[in-house]
Amino acid sequence: MSRIGKITNTEQKIMSAFWQLYQEKMISQITVREVIELADCNRSTFYAYFADMYDLLDKFEEQLLPDLTQPAVKKIIAKDDISLSVQHCMALYQKYKDYYQVLLGANGDPAFRGKLTDILDQMIKAHLGQRKGQTNFEVDFLVETTASILLTALIFYFKRSDRPKAAEIIALLTNVLNQGVASQLGWHISCQEKKQTGK
């Protein structure tokens, strides 16, 4: 579940007007005047909800992120099976893919990718529980890498016209996470350092 539904009708009108403009031009080129004209409200109303255009973008993006405080989401991340979280994220991405594709695209907001990665980090850590024998750096590195893989996989999946069924990509992702990329590609990567021999 996302946070959509926790805003007023006026905020929604302003956000919808902003989104209409954001799909056509860079945020630096969008003016408050353009937004309020489309939203049919006045300038004071705009500033009652948003500090500026970047604050509007930030709050707009917040509406599209998974809400980890929702009981249904808490129930998912309480289970050991991370594929349930992957399914949830895929369903959310599918529902809002028109927004995600713009925000994660070449002319989108680089910060949005970071927000999604942070959310995935939290979901993955919730599945992990307490880890023994690993440093904080090692856990954070593995979690961040996994979150990046999941997000990249989602973006790749939904931009392909030849994409398989959701269950198939989840199975492929599960295999990659369980066995590693090298195993899936048939690689054998050695991390042993070569000893330098003296002449």
C-alpha atoms as a PDB file:
ATOM      1  CA  MET A   1       0.000   0.000   0.000  1.00  0.00           C
ATOM      2  CA  SER A   2       1.150   3.530  -0.702  1.00  0.00           C
ATOM      3  CA  ARG A   3       0.383   6.731   1.166  1.00  0.00           C
ATOM      4  CA  ILE A   4      -2.202   7.937  -1.406  1.00  0.00           C
ATOM      5  CA  GLY A   5      -5.451   8.904   0.275  1.00  0.00           C
ATOM      6  CA  LYS A   6      -3.854  10.867   3.131  1.00  0.00           C
ATOM      7  CA  ILE A   7      -4.151  14.241   1.376  1.00  0.00           C
ATOM      8  CA  THR A   8      -6.977  16.745   0.927  1.00  0.00           C
ATOM      9  CA  ASN A   9      -8.912  17.296  -2.293  1.00  0.00           C
ATOM     10  CA  THR A  10      -7.206  20.668  -2.739  1.00  0.00           C
ATOM     11  CA  GLU A  11      -3.758  19.126  -2.389  1.00  0.00           C
ATOM     12  CA  GLN A  12      -4.750  16.453  -4.895  1.00  0.00           C
ATOM     13  CA  LYS A  13      -5.860  19.091  -7.404  1.00  0.00           C
ATOM     14  CA  ILE A  14      -2.570  20.951  -7.046  1.00  0.00           C
ATOM     15  CA  MET A  15      -0.539  17.745  -7.330  1.00  0.00           C
ATOM     16  CA  SER A  16      -2.477  16.640 -10.411  1.00  0.00           C
ATOM     17  CA  ALA A  17      -1.857  20.016 -12.066  1.00  0.00           C
ATOM     18  CA  PHE A  18       1.818  19.817 -11.164  1.00  0.00           C
ATOM     19  CA  TRP A  19       2.122  16.298 -12.572  1.00  0.00           C
ATOM     20  CA  GLN A  20       0.547  17.363 -15.842  1.00  0.00           C
ATOM     21  CA  LEU A  21       3.282  19.997 -16.204  1.00  0.00           C
ATOM     22  CA  TYR A  22       6.086  17.804 -14.854  1.00  0.00           C
ATOM     23  CA  GLN A  23       5.571  15.279 -17.637  1.00  0.00           C
ATOM     24  CA  GLU A  24       6.220  18.023 -20.198  1.00  0.00           C
ATOM     25  CA  LYS A  25       9.044  20.075 -18.691  1.00  0.00           C
ATOM     26  CA  MET A  26      11.821  20.150 -16.086  1.00  0.00           C
ATOM     27  CA  ILE A  27      10.819  21.173 -12.556  1.00  0.00           C
ATOM     28  CA  SER A  28      13.029  24.263 -12.812  1.00  0.00           C
ATOM     29  CA  GLN A  29      10.820  25.435 -15.682  1.00  0.00           C
ATOM     30  CA  ILE A  30       7.495  25.003 -13.850  1.00  0.00           C
ATOM     31  CA  THR A  31       6.070  28.085 -12.158  1.00  0.00           C
ATOM     32  CA  VAL A  32       3.583  28.418  -9.311  1.00  0.00           C
ATOM     33  CA  ARG A  33       1.407  30.497 -11.610  1.00  0.00           C
ATOM     34  CA  GLU A  34       1.132  27.629 -14.117  1.00  0.00           C
ATOM     35  CA  VAL A  35       0.213  25.159 -11.391  1.00  0.00           C
ATOM     36  CA  ILE A  36      -2.463  27.304  -9.721  1.00  0.00           C
ATOM     37  CA  GLU A  37      -4.032  28.173 -13.061  1.00  0.00           C
ATOM     38  CA  LEU A  38      -4.393  24.483 -13.903  1.00  0.00           C
ATOM     39  CA  ALA A  39      -5.553  23.635 -10.382  1.00  0.00           C
ATOM     40  CA  ASP A  40      -7.989  26.577 -10.317  1.00  0.00           C
ATOM     41  CA  CYS A  41      -6.788  27.892  -6.971  1.00  0.00           C
ATOM     42  CA  ASN A  42      -4.945  30.967  -5.743  1.00  0.00           C
ATOM     43  CA  ARG A  43      -1.328  31.497  -4.750  1.00  0.00           C
ATOM     44  CA  SER A  44      -2.057  31.641  -1.010  1.00  0.00           C
ATOM     45  CA  THR A  45      -3.752  28.242  -1.219  1.00  0.00           C
ATOM     46  CA  PHE A  46      -0.679  26.783  -2.908  1.00  0.00           C
ATOM     47  CA  TYR A  47       1.631  28.116  -0.175  1.00  0.00           C
ATOM     48  CA  ALA A  48      -0.714  26.859   2.525  1.00  0.00           C
ATOM     49  CA  TYR A  49       0.277  23.339   1.477  1.00  0.00           C
ATOM     50  CA  PHE A  50       3.698  23.640  -0.159  1.00  0.00           C
ATOM     51  CA  ALA A  51       6.804  25.718   0.531  1.00  0.00           C
ATOM     52  CA  ASP A  52       7.849  25.696  -3.122  1.00  0.00           C
ATOM     53  CA  MET A  53       7.853  23.517  -6.234  1.00  0.00           C
ATOM     54  CA  TYR A  54      10.495  21.165  -4.841  1.00  0.00           C
ATOM     55  CA  ASP A  55       8.477  20.646  -1.676  1.00  0.00           C
ATOM     56  CA  LEU A  56       5.503  19.802  -3.894  1.00  0.00           C
ATOM     57  CA  LEU A  57       7.576  17.238  -5.804  1.00  0.00           C
ATOM     58  CA  ASP A  58       8.823  15.701  -2.561  1.00  0.00           C
ATOM     59  CA  LYS A  59       5.298  15.354  -1.152  1.00  0.00           C
ATOM     60  CA  PHE A  60       4.012  14.054  -4.471  1.00  0.00           C
ATOM     61  CA  GLU A  61       6.682  11.330  -4.451  1.00  0.00           C
ATOM     62  CA  GLU A  62       5.860  10.416  -0.861  1.00  0.00           C
ATOM     63  CA  GLN A  63       2.371   9.443  -2.027  1.00  0.00           C
ATOM     64  CA  LEU A  64       3.870   6.819  -4.342  1.00  0.00           C
ATOM     65  CA  LEU A  65       6.118   5.059  -1.827  1.00  0.00           C
ATOM     66  CA  PRO A  66       5.162   1.886   0.068  1.00  0.00           C
ATOM     67  CA  ASP A  67       3.797   2.747   3.514  1.00  0.00           C
ATOM     68  CA  LEU A  68       5.608   0.453   5.936  1.00  0.00           C
ATOM     69  CA  THR A  69       3.307   1.498   8.794  1.00  0.00           C
ATOM     70  CA  GLN A  70       0.251  -0.085   7.138  1.00  0.00           C
ATOM     71  CA  PRO A  71      -0.873  -3.275   8.981  1.00  0.00           C
ATOM     72  CA  ALA A  72      -1.004  -5.267   5.721  1.00  0.00           C
ATOM     73  CA  VAL A  73       2.590  -4.297   4.883  1.00  0.00           C
ATOM     74  CA  LYS A  74       3.774  -5.012   8.430  1.00  0.00           C
ATOM     75  CA  LYS A  75       2.266  -8.487   8.105  1.00  0.00           C
ATOM     76  CA  ILE A  76       4.191  -9.071   4.854  1.00  0.00           C
ATOM     77  CA  ILE A  77       7.597  -7.966   6.140  1.00  0.00           C
ATOM     78  CA  ALA A  78       7.131  -9.923   9.370  1.00  0.00           C
ATOM     79  CA  LYS A  79       7.427 -13.150   7.362  1.00  0.00           C
ATOM     80  CA  ASP A  80      10.730 -14.767   6.377  1.00  0.00           C
ATOM     81  CA  ASP A  81       9.737 -15.056   2.707  1.00  0.00           C
ATOM     82  CA  ILE A  82      11.087 -11.941   0.960  1.00  0.00           C
ATOM     83  CA  SER A  83       9.297 -12.901  -2.263  1.00  0.00           C
ATOM     84  CA  LEU A  84       6.091 -11.601  -0.619  1.00  0.00           C
ATOM     85  CA  SER A  85       7.676  -8.162  -0.363  1.00  0.00           C
ATOM     86  CA  VAL A  86       8.845  -8.416  -3.973  1.00  0.00           C
ATOM     87  CA  GLN A  87       5.274  -9.227  -5.040  1.00  0.00           C
ATOM     88  CA  HIS A  88       3.970  -6.258  -3.047  1.00  0.00           C
ATOM     89  CA  CYS A  89       6.495  -3.879  -4.653  1.00  0.00           C
ATOM     90  CA  MET A  90       5.717  -5.229  -8.111  1.00  0.00           C
ATOM     91  CA  ALA A  91       1.998  -4.688  -7.575  1.00  0.00           C
ATOM     92  CA  LEU A  92       2.646  -1.130  -6.402  1.00  0.00           C
ATOM     93  CA  TYR A  93       4.965  -0.442  -9.337  1.00  0.00           C
ATOM     94  CA  GLN A  94       2.400  -1.831 -11.776  1.00  0.00           C
ATOM     95  CA  LYS A  95      -0.321   0.372 -10.293  1.00  0.00           C
ATOM     96  CA  TYR A  96       1.762   3.557 -10.475  1.00  0.00           C
ATOM     97  CA  LYS A  97       4.137   2.677 -13.307  1.00  0.00           C
ATOM     98  CA  ASP A  98       3.174   5.765 -15.321  1.00  0.00           C
ATOM     99  CA  TYR A  99       4.490   7.877 -12.444  1.00  0.00           C
ATOM    100  CA  TYR A 100       7.485   5.650 -11.702  1.00  0.00           C
ATOM    101  CA  GLN A 101       8.639   5.538 -15.316  1.00  0.00           C
ATOM    102  CA  VAL A 102       8.763   9.330 -15.467  1.00  0.00           C
ATOM    103  CA  LEU A 103      10.335   9.854 -12.037  1.00  0.00           C
ATOM    104  CA  LEU A 104      12.944   7.128 -12.608  1.00  0.00           C
ATOM    105  CA  GLY A 105      13.576   8.117 -16.226  1.00  0.00           C
ATOM    106  CA  ALA A 106      16.349  10.199 -17.731  1.00  0.00           C
ATOM    107  CA  ASN A 107      14.500  13.468 -17.062  1.00  0.00           C
ATOM    108  CA  GLY A 108      13.040  12.414 -13.735  1.00  0.00           C
ATOM    109  CA  ASP A 109      14.128  13.025 -10.152  1.00  0.00           C
ATOM    110  CA  PRO A 110      17.363  11.243  -9.112  1.00  0.00           C
ATOM    111  CA  ALA A 111      16.300  11.571  -5.474  1.00  0.00           C
ATOM    112  CA  PHE A 112      13.241   9.369  -6.072  1.00  0.00           C
ATOM    113  CA  ARG A 113      15.418   6.353  -6.818  1.00  0.00           C
ATOM    114  CA  GLY A 114      17.171   6.947  -3.499  1.00  0.00           C
ATOM    115  CA  LYS A 115      13.839   7.099  -1.672  1.00  0.00           C
ATOM    116  CA  LEU A 116      12.738   3.792  -3.188  1.00  0.00           C
ATOM    117  CA  THR A 117      16.078   2.188  -2.338  1.00  0.00           C
ATOM    118  CA  ASP A 118      15.753   3.372   1.282  1.00  0.00           C
ATOM    119  CA  ILE A 119      12.260   1.838   1.521  1.00  0.00           C
ATOM    120  CA  LEU A 120      13.535  -1.450   0.078  1.00  0.00           C
ATOM    121  CA  ASP A 121      16.447  -1.336   2.553  1.00  0.00           C
ATOM    122  CA  GLN A 122      13.980  -1.124   5.418  1.00  0.00           C
ATOM    123  CA  MET A 123      11.872  -3.991   4.064  1.00  0.00           C
ATOM    124  CA  ILE A 124      14.918  -6.223   3.546  1.00  0.00           C
ATOM    125  CA  LYS A 125      16.290  -5.479   7.027  1.00  0.00           C
ATOM    126  CA  ALA A 126      12.894  -6.316   8.510  1.00  0.00           C
ATOM    127  CA  HIS A 127      13.115  -9.749   6.864  1.00  0.00           C
ATOM    128  CA  LEU A 128      16.670 -10.271   8.096  1.00  0.00           C
ATOM    129  CA  GLY A 129      16.094  -9.871  11.808  1.00  0.00           C
ATOM    130  CA  GLN A 130      19.209 -10.153  13.955  1.00  0.00           C
ATOM    131  CA  ARG A 131      22.389 -11.147  12.091  1.00  0.00           C
ATOM    132  CA  LYS A 132      25.317 -12.743  13.925  1.00  0.00           C
ATOM    133  CA  GLY A 133      28.895 -12.928  12.730  1.00  0.00           C
ATOM    134  CA  GLN A 134      28.614 -10.014  10.292  1.00  0.00           C
ATOM    135  CA  THR A 135      29.699  -6.423  10.747  1.00  0.00           C
ATOM    136  CA  ASN A 136      27.275  -3.554  10.288  1.00  0.00           C
ATOM    137  CA  PHE A 137      29.172  -2.617   7.138  1.00  0.00           C
ATOM    138  CA  GLU A 138      28.732  -6.111   5.666  1.00  0.00           C
ATOM    139  CA  VAL A 139      24.997  -6.191   6.438  1.00  0.00           C
ATOM    140  CA  ASP A 140      24.439  -2.675   5.095  1.00  0.00           C
ATOM    141  CA  PHE A 141      26.432  -3.489   1.952  1.00  0.00           C
ATOM    142  CA  LEU A 142      24.428  -6.652   1.264  1.00  0.00           C
ATOM    143  CA  VAL A 143      21.103  -4.935   1.979  1.00  0.00           C
ATOM    144  CA  GLU A 144      21.927  -1.941  -0.249  1.00  0.00           C
ATOM    145  CA  THR A 145      23.101  -4.243  -3.056  1.00  0.00           C
ATOM    146  CA  THR A 146      19.952  -6.350  -2.797  1.00  0.00           C
ATOM    147  CA  ALA A 147      17.722  -3.261  -2.783  1.00  0.00           C
ATOM    148  CA  SER A 148      19.477  -1.951  -5.899  1.00  0.00           C
ATOM    149  CA  ILE A 149      19.025  -5.318  -7.646  1.00  0.00           C
ATOM    150  CA  LEU A 150      15.310  -5.383  -6.810  1.00  0.00           C
ATOM    151  CA  LEU A 151      14.731  -1.819  -7.989  1.00  0.00           C
ATOM    152  CA  THR A 152      16.718  -2.294 -11.190  1.00  0.00           C
ATOM    153  CA  ALA A 153      14.805  -5.521 -11.862  1.00  0.00           C
ATOM    154  CA  LEU A 154      11.457  -3.747 -11.428  1.00  0.00           C
ATOM    155  CA  ILE A 155      12.435  -0.936 -13.800  1.00  0.00           C
ATOM    156  CA  PHE A 156      13.761  -3.423 -16.359  1.00  0.00           C
ATOM    157  CA  TYR A 157      10.714  -5.690 -16.098  1.00  0.00           C
ATOM    158  CA  PHE A 158       8.100  -3.015 -16.706  1.00  0.00           C
ATOM    159  CA  LYS A 159       9.893  -1.373 -19.621  1.00  0.00           C
ATOM    160  CA  ARG A 160      10.056  -4.642 -21.589  1.00  0.00           C
ATOM    161  CA  SER A 161       7.245  -5.499 -23.970  1.00  0.00           C
ATOM    162  CA  ASP A 162       8.302  -9.176 -23.933  1.00  0.00           C
ATOM    163  CA  ARG A 163       8.167  -9.477 -20.152  1.00  0.00           C
ATOM    164  CA  PRO A 164       7.073 -12.828 -18.697  1.00  0.00           C
ATOM    165  CA  LYS A 165       4.382 -13.291 -16.063  1.00  0.00           C
ATOM    166  CA  ALA A 166       5.067 -11.746 -12.667  1.00  0.00           C
ATOM    167  CA  ALA A 167       5.543 -15.182 -11.080  1.00  0.00           C
ATOM    168  CA  GLU A 168       8.362 -15.952 -13.531  1.00  0.00           C
ATOM    169  CA  ILE A 169      10.321 -12.766 -12.838  1.00  0.00           C
ATOM    170  CA  ILE A 170       9.876 -13.317  -9.094  1.00  0.00           C
ATOM    171  CA  ALA A 171      11.265 -16.855  -9.516  1.00  0.00           C
ATOM    172  CA  LEU A 172      14.212 -15.488 -11.532  1.00  0.00           C
ATOM    173  CA  LEU A 173      14.881 -12.823  -8.927  1.00  0.00           C
ATOM    174  CA  THR A 174      14.701 -15.414  -6.166  1.00  0.00           C
ATOM    175  CA  ASN A 175      17.266 -17.575  -7.952  1.00  0.00           C
ATOM    176  CA  VAL A 176      19.572 -14.599  -8.461  1.00  0.00           C
ATOM    177  CA  LEU A 177      19.303 -13.627  -4.796  1.00  0.00           C
ATOM    178  CA  ASN A 178      19.747 -17.209  -3.570  1.00  0.00           C
ATOM    179  CA  GLN A 179      22.504 -18.318  -5.935  1.00  0.00           C
ATOM    180  CA  GLY A 180      24.069 -15.066  -7.123  1.00  0.00           C
ATOM    181  CA  VAL A 181      24.492 -13.517 -10.564  1.00  0.00           C
ATOM    182  CA  ALA A 182      27.682 -15.452 -11.281  1.00  0.00           C
ATOM    183  CA  SER A 183      25.920 -18.793 -10.778  1.00  0.00           C
ATOM    184  CA  GLN A 184      23.061 -17.777 -13.088  1.00  0.00           C
ATOM    185  CA  LEU A 185      25.525 -16.750 -15.807  1.00  0.00           C
ATOM    186  CA  GLY A 186      27.751 -19.782 -15.352  1.00  0.00           C
ATOM    187  CA  TRP A 187      30.701 -17.691 -14.206  1.00  0.00           C
ATOM    188  CA  HIS A 188      33.355 -18.644 -11.694  1.00  0.00           C
ATOM    189  CA  ILE A 189      34.853 -15.550 -10.137  1.00  0.00           C
ATOM    190  CA  SER A 190      37.948 -15.934  -8.015  1.00  0.00           C
ATOM    191  CA  CYS A 191      38.804 -13.383  -5.364  1.00  0.00           C
ATOM    192  CA  GLN A 192      42.217 -14.798  -4.618  1.00  0.00           C
ATOM    193  CA  GLU A 193      45.003 -12.278  -5.034  1.00  0.00           C
ATOM    194  CA  LYS A 194      47.838 -13.306  -7.310  1.00  0.00           C
ATOM    195  CA  LYS A 195      51.163 -13.455  -5.576  1.00  0.00           C
ATOM    196  CA  GLN A 196      53.796 -11.296  -7.152  1.00  0.00           C
ATOM    197  CA  THR A 197      57.014 -13.131  -7.828  1.00  0.00           C
ATOM    198  CA  GLY A 198      60.353 -11.376  -7.689  1.00  0.00           C
ATOM    199  CA  LYS A 199      62.623 -11.342 -10.693  1.00  0.00           C
END
